[in-house]
């Protein structure tokens, strides 16, 4: 079993993952980090998609320069 790299240990701690560096391999920790990041991105994407069905909600999410605020210049 290969000890986890310092970069993986630092990233896992940054994400708040709980683990024992002496009891996990570099590959296992790398997979755990990748899984956490994938699930986090999926959750954020789902949450971002909710509540953006109307121009007002999209404007609130994307700012006043969103496509709904573009006016015809003529």
N, C-alpha and C. Protein backbone atom coordinates (compact mmCIF):
# COMPACT_ATOMS: atom_id res chain seq x y z
N UNK A 1 0.85 -1.17 0.00
CA UNK A 1 0.00 0.00 0.00
C UNK A 1 0.90 1.24 0.00
N UNK A 2 0.67 2.11 -0.97
CA UNK A 2 1.44 3.34 -1.10
C UNK A 2 0.85 4.41 -0.21
N UNK A 3 1.70 5.05 0.58
CA UNK A 3 1.21 6.12 1.45
C UNK A 3 0.69 7.26 0.59
N UNK A 4 -0.34 7.95 1.06
CA UNK A 4 -0.88 9.06 0.28
C UNK A 4 0.11 10.21 0.16
N UNK A 5 0.07 10.85 -0.98
CA UNK A 5 0.95 12.00 -1.20
C UNK A 5 0.49 13.16 -0.33
N UNK A 6 1.40 14.06 -0.06
CA UNK A 6 1.06 15.23 0.76
C UNK A 6 -0.01 16.08 0.07
N UNK A 7 0.06 16.14 -1.25
CA UNK A 7 -0.94 16.92 -2.01
C UNK A 7 -2.34 16.34 -1.80
N UNK A 8 -2.45 15.00 -1.83
CA UNK A 8 -3.75 14.37 -1.62
C UNK A 8 -4.22 14.56 -0.18
N UNK A 9 -3.31 14.44 0.76
CA UNK A 9 -3.66 14.66 2.17
C UNK A 9 -4.17 16.08 2.37
N UNK A 10 -3.46 17.05 1.81
CA UNK A 10 -3.87 18.45 1.95
C UNK A 10 -5.23 18.70 1.32
N UNK A 11 -5.44 18.15 0.12
CA UNK A 11 -6.72 18.36 -0.58
C UNK A 11 -7.86 17.71 0.19
N UNK A 12 -7.65 16.50 0.69
CA UNK A 12 -8.69 15.81 1.45
C UNK A 12 -9.05 16.58 2.72
N UNK A 13 -8.06 17.11 3.39
CA UNK A 13 -8.32 17.91 4.60
C UNK A 13 -9.05 19.20 4.24
N UNK A 14 -8.67 19.80 3.11
CA UNK A 14 -9.33 21.02 2.64
C UNK A 14 -10.82 20.76 2.39
N UNK A 15 -11.13 19.57 1.87
CA UNK A 15 -12.52 19.20 1.60
C UNK A 15 -13.26 18.76 2.85
N UNK A 16 -12.52 18.50 3.92
CA UNK A 16 -13.14 18.07 5.16
C UNK A 16 -13.36 16.58 5.25
N UNK A 17 -12.64 15.82 4.43
CA UNK A 17 -12.77 14.36 4.48
C UNK A 17 -12.08 13.83 5.73
N UNK A 18 -12.68 12.82 6.32
CA UNK A 18 -12.13 12.21 7.52
C UNK A 18 -11.41 10.92 7.12
N UNK A 19 -10.14 10.79 7.49
CA UNK A 19 -9.37 9.62 7.12
C UNK A 19 -8.13 9.53 8.00
N UNK A 20 -7.53 8.35 8.02
CA UNK A 20 -6.27 8.11 8.73
C UNK A 20 -5.18 7.93 7.68
N UNK A 21 -4.26 8.88 7.56
CA UNK A 21 -3.23 8.79 6.52
C UNK A 21 -2.40 7.50 6.56
N UNK A 22 -2.29 6.89 7.74
CA UNK A 22 -1.51 5.66 7.83
C UNK A 22 -2.33 4.42 7.46
N UNK A 23 -3.63 4.61 7.24
CA UNK A 23 -4.51 3.47 6.99
C UNK A 23 -5.20 3.56 5.63
N UNK A 24 -4.68 4.41 4.74
CA UNK A 24 -5.30 4.57 3.42
C UNK A 24 -4.20 4.72 2.38
N UNK A 25 -4.43 4.15 1.21
CA UNK A 25 -3.42 4.25 0.15
C UNK A 25 -3.63 5.54 -0.64
N UNK A 26 -2.62 5.91 -1.39
CA UNK A 26 -2.70 7.10 -2.22
C UNK A 26 -3.85 6.97 -3.23
N UNK A 27 -3.98 5.77 -3.80
CA UNK A 27 -5.03 5.53 -4.80
C UNK A 27 -6.43 5.65 -4.17
N UNK A 28 -6.60 5.08 -2.98
CA UNK A 28 -7.91 5.16 -2.30
C UNK A 28 -8.27 6.61 -1.97
N UNK A 29 -7.30 7.35 -1.49
CA UNK A 29 -7.55 8.75 -1.14
C UNK A 29 -7.84 9.57 -2.40
N UNK A 30 -7.12 9.29 -3.46
CA UNK A 30 -7.35 9.97 -4.73
C UNK A 30 -8.77 9.70 -5.24
N UNK A 31 -9.22 8.44 -5.15
CA UNK A 31 -10.58 8.08 -5.57
C UNK A 31 -11.62 8.75 -4.69
N UNK A 32 -11.36 8.81 -3.39
CA UNK A 32 -12.29 9.46 -2.46
C UNK A 32 -12.44 10.95 -2.79
N UNK A 33 -11.33 11.59 -3.08
CA UNK A 33 -11.35 13.02 -3.44
C UNK A 33 -12.14 13.20 -4.74
N UNK A 34 -11.87 12.38 -5.73
CA UNK A 34 -12.56 12.48 -7.02
C UNK A 34 -14.06 12.25 -6.86
N UNK A 35 -14.43 11.28 -6.05
CA UNK A 35 -15.85 11.00 -5.80
C UNK A 35 -16.51 12.18 -5.11
N UNK A 36 -15.86 12.71 -4.09
CA UNK A 36 -16.41 13.86 -3.37
C UNK A 36 -16.63 15.03 -4.33
N UNK A 37 -15.62 15.33 -5.14
CA UNK A 37 -15.71 16.46 -6.07
C UNK A 37 -16.81 16.24 -7.10
N UNK A 38 -16.94 15.01 -7.61
CA UNK A 38 -17.98 14.70 -8.61
C UNK A 38 -19.36 14.87 -8.00
N UNK A 39 -19.57 14.33 -6.81
CA UNK A 39 -20.87 14.43 -6.15
C UNK A 39 -21.18 15.88 -5.81
N UNK A 40 -20.18 16.62 -5.37
CA UNK A 40 -20.37 18.03 -5.04
C UNK A 40 -20.80 18.82 -6.28
N UNK A 41 -20.11 18.60 -7.39
CA UNK A 41 -20.44 19.30 -8.63
C UNK A 41 -21.84 18.93 -9.10
N UNK A 42 -22.20 17.64 -9.02
CA UNK A 42 -23.55 17.22 -9.42
C UNK A 42 -24.60 17.90 -8.55
N UNK A 43 -24.36 17.98 -7.25
CA UNK A 43 -25.31 18.61 -6.35
C UNK A 43 -25.43 20.10 -6.64
N UNK A 44 -24.31 20.76 -6.90
CA UNK A 44 -24.35 22.19 -7.20
C UNK A 44 -25.07 22.45 -8.52
N UNK A 45 -24.87 21.57 -9.49
CA UNK A 45 -25.53 21.71 -10.78
C UNK A 45 -27.03 21.54 -10.63
N UNK A 46 -27.45 20.55 -9.85
CA UNK A 46 -28.88 20.35 -9.59
C UNK A 46 -29.47 21.56 -8.90
N UNK A 47 -28.80 22.06 -7.89
CA UNK A 47 -29.31 23.22 -7.14
C UNK A 47 -29.34 24.46 -8.01
N UNK A 48 -28.37 24.62 -8.88
CA UNK A 48 -28.32 25.80 -9.74
C UNK A 48 -29.45 25.76 -10.76
N UNK A 49 -29.83 24.58 -11.19
CA UNK A 49 -30.89 24.44 -12.17
C UNK A 49 -32.27 24.67 -11.61
N UNK A 50 -32.42 24.50 -10.33
CA UNK A 50 -33.72 24.72 -9.69
C UNK A 50 -33.98 26.20 -9.56
N UNK A 51 -35.20 26.57 -9.75
CA UNK A 51 -35.59 27.95 -9.50
C UNK A 51 -35.08 28.94 -10.51
N UNK A 52 -34.74 28.47 -11.70
CA UNK A 52 -34.29 29.42 -12.72
C UNK A 52 -35.20 29.31 -13.94
N UNK A 53 -36.48 29.11 -13.68
CA UNK A 53 -37.42 28.92 -14.78
C UNK A 53 -38.01 30.22 -15.31
N UNK A 54 -37.90 31.28 -14.57
CA UNK A 54 -38.47 32.55 -15.02
C UNK A 54 -37.36 33.56 -15.26
N UNK A 55 -37.62 34.58 -16.07
CA UNK A 55 -36.58 35.60 -16.30
C UNK A 55 -36.08 36.24 -15.00
N UNK A 56 -36.98 36.48 -14.05
CA UNK A 56 -36.56 37.10 -12.79
C UNK A 56 -35.61 36.18 -12.02
N UNK A 57 -35.92 34.89 -12.00
CA UNK A 57 -35.07 33.94 -11.28
C UNK A 57 -33.72 33.79 -11.98
N UNK A 58 -33.71 33.77 -13.31
CA UNK A 58 -32.43 33.69 -14.04
C UNK A 58 -31.61 34.95 -13.81
N UNK A 59 -32.28 36.11 -13.80
CA UNK A 59 -31.60 37.38 -13.56
C UNK A 59 -30.97 37.38 -12.18
N UNK A 60 -31.71 36.86 -11.20
CA UNK A 60 -31.20 36.79 -9.83
C UNK A 60 -29.97 35.89 -9.78
N UNK A 61 -29.99 34.80 -10.55
CA UNK A 61 -28.89 33.85 -10.51
C UNK A 61 -27.69 34.32 -11.34
N UNK A 62 -27.95 34.83 -12.53
CA UNK A 62 -26.86 35.15 -13.46
C UNK A 62 -26.51 36.62 -13.51
N UNK A 63 -27.27 37.45 -12.85
CA UNK A 63 -26.96 38.88 -12.82
C UNK A 63 -27.74 39.67 -13.84
N UNK A 64 -27.67 40.98 -13.73
CA UNK A 64 -28.48 41.84 -14.58
C UNK A 64 -28.08 41.81 -16.05
N UNK A 65 -26.93 41.27 -16.38
CA UNK A 65 -26.52 41.20 -17.78
C UNK A 65 -26.97 39.94 -18.48
N UNK A 66 -27.89 39.18 -17.86
CA UNK A 66 -28.32 37.93 -18.46
C UNK A 66 -29.11 38.21 -19.74
N UNK A 67 -29.31 37.19 -20.52
CA UNK A 67 -29.95 37.33 -21.82
C UNK A 67 -31.34 37.96 -21.70
N UNK A 68 -32.01 37.78 -20.60
CA UNK A 68 -33.35 38.34 -20.42
C UNK A 68 -33.33 39.86 -20.29
N UNK A 69 -32.19 40.42 -19.98
CA UNK A 69 -32.09 41.87 -19.79
C UNK A 69 -31.57 42.59 -21.03
N UNK A 70 -31.16 41.83 -22.04
CA UNK A 70 -30.63 42.47 -23.24
C UNK A 70 -31.80 43.09 -24.00
N UNK A 71 -31.67 44.37 -24.31
CA UNK A 71 -32.74 45.06 -25.02
C UNK A 71 -32.34 45.28 -26.47
N UNK A 72 -33.32 45.33 -27.35
CA UNK A 72 -33.07 45.62 -28.75
C UNK A 72 -32.63 47.06 -28.92
N UNK A 73 -31.49 47.28 -29.52
CA UNK A 73 -31.00 48.66 -29.66
C UNK A 73 -31.63 49.40 -30.85
N UNK A 74 -32.82 49.16 -31.16
CA UNK A 74 -33.28 49.90 -32.32
C UNK A 74 -34.68 49.86 -32.49
